[in-house]
Amino acid sequence: MGPYPVFDECRMVRACGELDLMTTPAFAHDLKHARHGAGRLFLIVDLSGVTFMDGSVMVPLRAAWLDCRERGGWVRVVHTRPGPALLFRVGGLREQFPRYASAQDAWKGVPADPDT
């Protein structure tokens, strides 16, 4: 995990392995660290390397979404496995977090599922 600056207004956080009650605090820290500073911010969260994810991830993702939105930016999530999609759907967050197939698609705003 870790935040990586892509360029001035865009940051990326990549996670891999399992995101659960034990690992979510580190993920939340990375999301918060990526949002340091002031001004508009675009945040790409790459979950394509995540093999398991539970609902504990939703709180820090939602906090990041609210923060970026208040600053005139957005959060877009890259995921390719069914687990994250299921959690977003069950949590009623599919519209807020549509699926992007790659970081490039996320930056361009091209969701993988056009109906979401």
N, C-alpha and C. Protein backbone atom coordinates (compact mmCIF):
# COMPACT_ATOMS: atom_id res chain seq x y z
N MET A 1 0.83 -1.18 0.00
CA MET A 1 0.00 0.00 0.00
C MET A 1 0.87 1.24 0.00
N GLY A 2 0.27 2.33 -0.30
CA GLY A 2 0.97 3.58 -0.22
C GLY A 2 0.44 4.58 -1.22
N PRO A 3 0.49 5.85 -0.86
CA PRO A 3 0.07 6.87 -1.81
C PRO A 3 1.21 7.21 -2.76
N TYR A 4 0.86 7.43 -4.00
CA TYR A 4 1.85 7.78 -5.00
C TYR A 4 1.34 8.99 -5.76
N PRO A 5 2.10 10.08 -5.79
CA PRO A 5 1.65 11.22 -6.59
C PRO A 5 1.76 10.88 -8.07
N VAL A 6 0.72 11.17 -8.81
CA VAL A 6 0.73 10.99 -10.25
C VAL A 6 1.15 12.30 -10.88
N PHE A 7 0.53 13.38 -10.48
CA PHE A 7 0.95 14.73 -10.78
C PHE A 7 0.25 15.64 -9.78
N ASP A 8 0.43 16.94 -9.89
CA ASP A 8 0.03 17.89 -8.86
C ASP A 8 -1.33 17.62 -8.24
N GLU A 9 -2.38 17.54 -9.03
CA GLU A 9 -3.72 17.41 -8.48
C GLU A 9 -4.19 15.96 -8.40
N CYS A 10 -3.44 15.02 -8.91
CA CYS A 10 -3.87 13.62 -8.92
C CYS A 10 -2.92 12.77 -8.11
N ARG A 11 -3.50 11.99 -7.22
CA ARG A 11 -2.74 11.05 -6.41
C ARG A 11 -3.33 9.66 -6.60
N MET A 12 -2.52 8.65 -6.32
CA MET A 12 -2.99 7.28 -6.41
C MET A 12 -2.61 6.52 -5.15
N VAL A 13 -3.53 5.71 -4.67
CA VAL A 13 -3.26 4.79 -3.57
C VAL A 13 -3.51 3.40 -4.11
N ARG A 14 -2.51 2.53 -3.97
CA ARG A 14 -2.63 1.14 -4.40
C ARG A 14 -2.65 0.24 -3.19
N ALA A 15 -3.54 -0.71 -3.21
CA ALA A 15 -3.60 -1.71 -2.14
C ALA A 15 -3.50 -3.09 -2.77
N CYS A 16 -2.97 -4.02 -2.01
CA CYS A 16 -2.89 -5.40 -2.49
C CYS A 16 -3.09 -6.34 -1.31
N GLY A 17 -3.36 -7.59 -1.63
CA GLY A 17 -3.60 -8.57 -0.59
C GLY A 17 -4.99 -8.42 -0.01
N GLU A 18 -5.10 -8.56 1.31
CA GLU A 18 -6.39 -8.51 1.97
C GLU A 18 -6.61 -7.17 2.65
N LEU A 19 -7.81 -6.64 2.50
CA LEU A 19 -8.22 -5.44 3.22
C LEU A 19 -9.33 -5.85 4.18
N ASP A 20 -8.98 -5.89 5.46
CA ASP A 20 -9.94 -6.30 6.47
C ASP A 20 -9.71 -5.48 7.73
N LEU A 21 -10.30 -5.88 8.84
CA LEU A 21 -10.17 -5.12 10.08
C LEU A 21 -8.72 -4.91 10.51
N MET A 22 -7.85 -5.83 10.16
CA MET A 22 -6.45 -5.71 10.57
C MET A 22 -5.65 -4.79 9.64
N THR A 23 -5.97 -4.76 8.38
CA THR A 23 -5.17 -4.00 7.42
C THR A 23 -5.81 -2.67 7.01
N THR A 24 -7.09 -2.49 7.28
CA THR A 24 -7.76 -1.26 6.89
C THR A 24 -7.17 -0.02 7.55
N PRO A 25 -6.71 -0.06 8.82
CA PRO A 25 -6.10 1.15 9.38
C PRO A 25 -4.91 1.67 8.56
N ALA A 26 -4.08 0.80 8.06
CA ALA A 26 -2.95 1.24 7.22
C ALA A 26 -3.46 1.81 5.90
N PHE A 27 -4.49 1.20 5.34
CA PHE A 27 -5.10 1.69 4.11
C PHE A 27 -5.71 3.07 4.35
N ALA A 28 -6.40 3.23 5.47
CA ALA A 28 -7.00 4.53 5.81
C ALA A 28 -5.92 5.59 5.97
N HIS A 29 -4.80 5.22 6.57
CA HIS A 29 -3.68 6.15 6.73
C HIS A 29 -3.16 6.58 5.35
N ASP A 30 -3.01 5.63 4.44
CA ASP A 30 -2.54 5.96 3.09
C ASP A 30 -3.51 6.90 2.38
N LEU A 31 -4.81 6.65 2.53
CA LEU A 31 -5.81 7.53 1.91
C LEU A 31 -5.72 8.94 2.50
N LYS A 32 -5.55 9.02 3.80
CA LYS A 32 -5.45 10.33 4.45
C LYS A 32 -4.17 11.05 4.02
N HIS A 33 -3.07 10.32 3.99
CA HIS A 33 -1.78 10.90 3.59
C HIS A 33 -1.83 11.42 2.15
N ALA A 34 -2.51 10.69 1.29
CA ALA A 34 -2.62 11.10 -0.11
C ALA A 34 -3.40 12.41 -0.25
N ARG A 35 -4.23 12.71 0.74
CA ARG A 35 -5.06 13.92 0.65
C ARG A 35 -4.46 15.11 1.39
N HIS A 36 -3.20 15.03 1.80
CA HIS A 36 -2.59 16.15 2.52
C HIS A 36 -2.54 17.39 1.62
N GLY A 37 -2.48 18.53 2.25
CA GLY A 37 -2.42 19.77 1.49
C GLY A 37 -3.80 20.35 1.26
N ALA A 38 -3.84 21.40 0.48
CA ALA A 38 -5.09 22.09 0.20
C ALA A 38 -5.34 22.13 -1.29
N GLY A 39 -6.51 22.52 -1.67
CA GLY A 39 -6.84 22.66 -3.08
C GLY A 39 -7.52 21.43 -3.64
N ARG A 40 -7.86 21.54 -4.90
CA ARG A 40 -8.57 20.46 -5.59
C ARG A 40 -7.70 19.21 -5.64
N LEU A 41 -8.35 18.05 -5.52
CA LEU A 41 -7.61 16.80 -5.51
C LEU A 41 -8.41 15.72 -6.21
N PHE A 42 -7.73 14.99 -7.08
CA PHE A 42 -8.28 13.82 -7.74
C PHE A 42 -7.52 12.61 -7.18
N LEU A 43 -8.26 11.61 -6.71
CA LEU A 43 -7.64 10.45 -6.07
C LEU A 43 -8.10 9.18 -6.76
N ILE A 44 -7.13 8.42 -7.27
CA ILE A 44 -7.41 7.11 -7.86
C ILE A 44 -7.00 6.06 -6.83
N VAL A 45 -7.94 5.19 -6.49
CA VAL A 45 -7.68 4.11 -5.54
C VAL A 45 -7.66 2.81 -6.35
N ASP A 46 -6.49 2.20 -6.43
CA ASP A 46 -6.32 0.99 -7.23
C ASP A 46 -6.42 -0.24 -6.32
N LEU A 47 -7.53 -0.95 -6.45
CA LEU A 47 -7.76 -2.17 -5.67
C LEU A 47 -7.60 -3.42 -6.53
N SER A 48 -7.00 -3.29 -7.69
CA SER A 48 -6.89 -4.44 -8.59
C SER A 48 -6.03 -5.56 -8.01
N GLY A 49 -5.16 -5.25 -7.06
CA GLY A 49 -4.34 -6.27 -6.42
C GLY A 49 -4.91 -6.81 -5.13
N VAL A 50 -6.13 -6.42 -4.79
CA VAL A 50 -6.77 -6.86 -3.55
C VAL A 50 -7.45 -8.20 -3.79
N THR A 51 -7.10 -9.18 -2.95
CA THR A 51 -7.66 -10.52 -3.10
C THR A 51 -8.89 -10.74 -2.22
N PHE A 52 -9.02 -9.95 -1.15
CA PHE A 52 -10.18 -10.03 -0.26
C PHE A 52 -10.41 -8.65 0.33
N MET A 53 -11.69 -8.29 0.47
CA MET A 53 -12.02 -6.99 1.03
C MET A 53 -13.31 -7.13 1.82
N ASP A 54 -13.30 -6.59 3.05
CA ASP A 54 -14.54 -6.59 3.82
C ASP A 54 -15.06 -5.17 3.96
N GLY A 55 -16.18 -5.02 4.63
CA GLY A 55 -16.85 -3.74 4.74
C GLY A 55 -16.11 -2.67 5.51
N SER A 56 -15.07 -3.04 6.24
CA SER A 56 -14.33 -2.04 7.02
C SER A 56 -13.66 -1.00 6.11
N VAL A 57 -13.50 -1.30 4.86
CA VAL A 57 -12.86 -0.39 3.90
C VAL A 57 -13.79 0.77 3.52
N MET A 58 -15.08 0.56 3.67
CA MET A 58 -16.04 1.56 3.20
C MET A 58 -15.93 2.90 3.95
N VAL A 59 -15.67 2.87 5.23
CA VAL A 59 -15.59 4.12 6.00
C VAL A 59 -14.45 5.02 5.51
N PRO A 60 -13.22 4.52 5.39
CA PRO A 60 -12.16 5.42 4.89
C PRO A 60 -12.35 5.81 3.41
N LEU A 61 -12.91 4.93 2.60
CA LEU A 61 -13.18 5.30 1.21
C LEU A 61 -14.22 6.41 1.14
N ARG A 62 -15.25 6.28 1.94
CA ARG A 62 -16.30 7.31 1.96
C ARG A 62 -15.75 8.64 2.47
N ALA A 63 -14.89 8.59 3.49
CA ALA A 63 -14.27 9.82 4.02
C ALA A 63 -13.42 10.49 2.94
N ALA A 64 -12.67 9.70 2.19
CA ALA A 64 -11.84 10.24 1.11
C ALA A 64 -12.73 10.86 0.04
N TRP A 65 -13.83 10.18 -0.30
CA TRP A 65 -14.75 10.69 -1.31
C TRP A 65 -15.32 12.04 -0.88
N LEU A 66 -15.77 12.13 0.36
CA LEU A 66 -16.34 13.39 0.86
C LEU A 66 -15.31 14.52 0.85
N ASP A 67 -14.10 14.21 1.30
CA ASP A 67 -13.04 15.22 1.35
C ASP A 67 -12.71 15.73 -0.05
N CYS A 68 -12.49 14.81 -0.97
CA CYS A 68 -12.14 15.21 -2.33
C CYS A 68 -13.28 15.97 -2.99
N ARG A 69 -14.49 15.55 -2.76
CA ARG A 69 -15.64 16.24 -3.36
C ARG A 69 -15.76 17.66 -2.82
N GLU A 70 -15.56 17.83 -1.51
CA GLU A 70 -15.61 19.17 -0.91
C GLU A 70 -14.53 20.08 -1.50
N ARG A 71 -13.45 19.49 -1.96
CA ARG A 71 -12.33 20.25 -2.51
C ARG A 71 -12.42 20.39 -4.03
N GLY A 72 -13.54 20.00 -4.61
CA GLY A 72 -13.73 20.15 -6.05
C GLY A 72 -13.14 19.03 -6.87
N GLY A 73 -12.81 17.91 -6.25
CA GLY A 73 -12.21 16.79 -6.96
C GLY A 73 -13.08 15.55 -6.92
N TRP A 74 -12.46 14.40 -7.01
CA TRP A 74 -13.19 13.14 -6.98
C TRP A 74 -12.28 12.01 -6.50
N VAL A 75 -12.92 10.87 -6.18
CA VAL A 75 -12.24 9.60 -5.91
C VAL A 75 -12.81 8.60 -6.89
N ARG A 76 -11.92 7.90 -7.59
CA ARG A 76 -12.34 6.84 -8.51
C ARG A 76 -11.59 5.56 -8.16
N VAL A 77 -12.32 4.45 -8.18
CA VAL A 77 -11.78 3.18 -7.70
C VAL A 77 -11.59 2.20 -8.86
N VAL A 78 -10.39 1.66 -8.96
CA VAL A 78 -10.05 0.63 -9.94
C VAL A 78 -10.18 -0.71 -9.24
N HIS A 79 -11.00 -1.59 -9.79
CA HIS A 79 -11.05 -2.96 -9.26
C HIS A 79 -11.50 -3.90 -10.36
N THR A 80 -10.98 -5.11 -10.29
CA THR A 80 -11.24 -6.08 -11.35
C THR A 80 -11.85 -7.37 -10.82
N ARG A 81 -11.85 -7.55 -9.52
CA ARG A 81 -12.38 -8.78 -8.92
C ARG A 81 -13.82 -8.56 -8.46
N PRO A 82 -14.58 -9.64 -8.30
CA PRO A 82 -15.99 -9.48 -7.94
C PRO A 82 -16.22 -9.00 -6.50
N GLY A 83 -15.30 -9.23 -5.59
CA GLY A 83 -15.49 -8.86 -4.18
C GLY A 83 -15.79 -7.38 -3.96
N PRO A 84 -14.94 -6.48 -4.46
CA PRO A 84 -15.24 -5.06 -4.26
C PRO A 84 -16.57 -4.64 -4.90
N ALA A 85 -16.87 -5.14 -6.08
CA ALA A 85 -18.12 -4.80 -6.75
C ALA A 85 -19.31 -5.21 -5.90
N LEU A 86 -19.23 -6.39 -5.30
CA LEU A 86 -20.31 -6.86 -4.44
C LEU A 86 -20.48 -5.96 -3.22
N LEU A 87 -19.38 -5.58 -2.59
CA LEU A 87 -19.47 -4.69 -1.43
C LEU A 87 -20.04 -3.33 -1.79
N PHE A 88 -19.64 -2.76 -2.90
CA PHE A 88 -20.18 -1.47 -3.32
C PHE A 88 -21.67 -1.59 -3.62
N ARG A 89 -22.06 -2.71 -4.23
CA ARG A 89 -23.49 -2.90 -4.55
C ARG A 89 -24.32 -3.09 -3.28
N VAL A 90 -23.86 -3.96 -2.39
CA VAL A 90 -24.59 -4.23 -1.14
C VAL A 90 -24.65 -2.97 -0.28
N GLY A 91 -23.57 -2.19 -0.29
CA GLY A 91 -23.53 -0.97 0.50
C GLY A 91 -24.26 0.20 -0.14
N GLY A 92 -24.83 0.00 -1.32
CA GLY A 92 -25.54 1.07 -2.01
C GLY A 92 -24.61 2.16 -2.51
N LEU A 93 -23.36 1.80 -2.81
CA LEU A 93 -22.36 2.79 -3.21
C LEU A 93 -21.87 2.62 -4.65
N ARG A 94 -22.60 1.87 -5.46
CA ARG A 94 -22.15 1.67 -6.85
C ARG A 94 -22.13 2.96 -7.65
N GLU A 95 -23.08 3.84 -7.41
CA GLU A 95 -23.07 5.12 -8.12
C GLU A 95 -21.91 5.99 -7.67
N GLN A 96 -21.63 5.95 -6.38
CA GLN A 96 -20.54 6.76 -5.83
C GLN A 96 -19.18 6.20 -6.24
N PHE A 97 -19.09 4.90 -6.33
CA PHE A 97 -17.83 4.24 -6.67
C PHE A 97 -18.02 3.29 -7.85
N PRO A 98 -18.24 3.83 -9.06
CA PRO A 98 -18.33 2.92 -10.22
C PRO A 98 -16.98 2.24 -10.45
N ARG A 99 -17.02 1.13 -11.15
CA ARG A 99 -15.80 0.35 -11.38
C ARG A 99 -15.04 0.90 -12.58
N TYR A 100 -13.74 1.06 -12.40
CA TYR A 100 -12.83 1.43 -13.49
C TYR A 100 -11.85 0.27 -13.68
N ALA A 101 -11.56 -0.07 -14.93
CA ALA A 101 -10.70 -1.21 -15.23
C ALA A 101 -9.22 -0.91 -15.07
N SER A 102 -8.84 0.38 -15.15
CA SER A 102 -7.43 0.75 -15.04
C SER A 102 -7.33 2.18 -14.51
N ALA A 103 -6.14 2.55 -14.08
CA ALA A 103 -5.91 3.91 -13.61
C ALA A 103 -6.11 4.91 -14.75
N GLN A 104 -5.73 4.53 -15.95
CA GLN A 104 -5.91 5.42 -17.09
C GLN A 104 -7.40 5.67 -17.36
N ASP A 105 -8.21 4.61 -17.27
CA ASP A 105 -9.65 4.77 -17.45
C ASP A 105 -10.24 5.63 -16.33
N ALA A 106 -9.74 5.44 -15.12
CA ALA A 106 -10.23 6.25 -14.00
C ALA A 106 -9.92 7.72 -14.24
N TRP A 107 -8.71 8.02 -14.66
CA TRP A 107 -8.34 9.40 -14.92
C TRP A 107 -9.23 10.01 -16.02
N LYS A 108 -9.49 9.23 -17.06
CA LYS A 108 -10.31 9.72 -18.17
C LYS A 108 -11.80 9.75 -17.84
N GLY A 109 -12.20 9.07 -16.75
CA GLY A 109 -13.60 9.02 -16.37
C GLY A 109 -14.42 8.05 -17.20
N VAL A 110 -13.77 6.95 -17.63
CA VAL A 110 -14.44 5.95 -18.45
C VAL A 110 -14.68 4.69 -17.59
N PRO A 111 -15.89 4.56 -17.03
CA PRO A 111 -16.14 3.39 -16.19
C PRO A 111 -16.19 2.10 -16.99
N ALA A 112 -15.84 1.00 -16.33
CA ALA A 112 -15.82 -0.29 -16.98
C ALA A 112 -17.24 -0.78 -17.24
N ASP A 113 -18.17 -0.39 -16.39
CA ASP A 113 -19.57 -0.78 -16.53
C ASP A 113 -20.37 0.48 -16.84
N PRO A 114 -20.62 0.78 -18.10
CA PRO A 114 -21.24 2.04 -18.46
C PRO A 114 -22.61 2.27 -17.83
N ASP A 115 -23.28 1.21 -17.38
CA ASP A 115 -24.60 1.39 -16.78
C ASP A 115 -24.54 1.75 -15.31
N THR A 116 -23.35 1.87 -14.72
CA THR A 116 -23.25 2.21 -13.30
C THR A 116 -23.01 3.68 -13.12
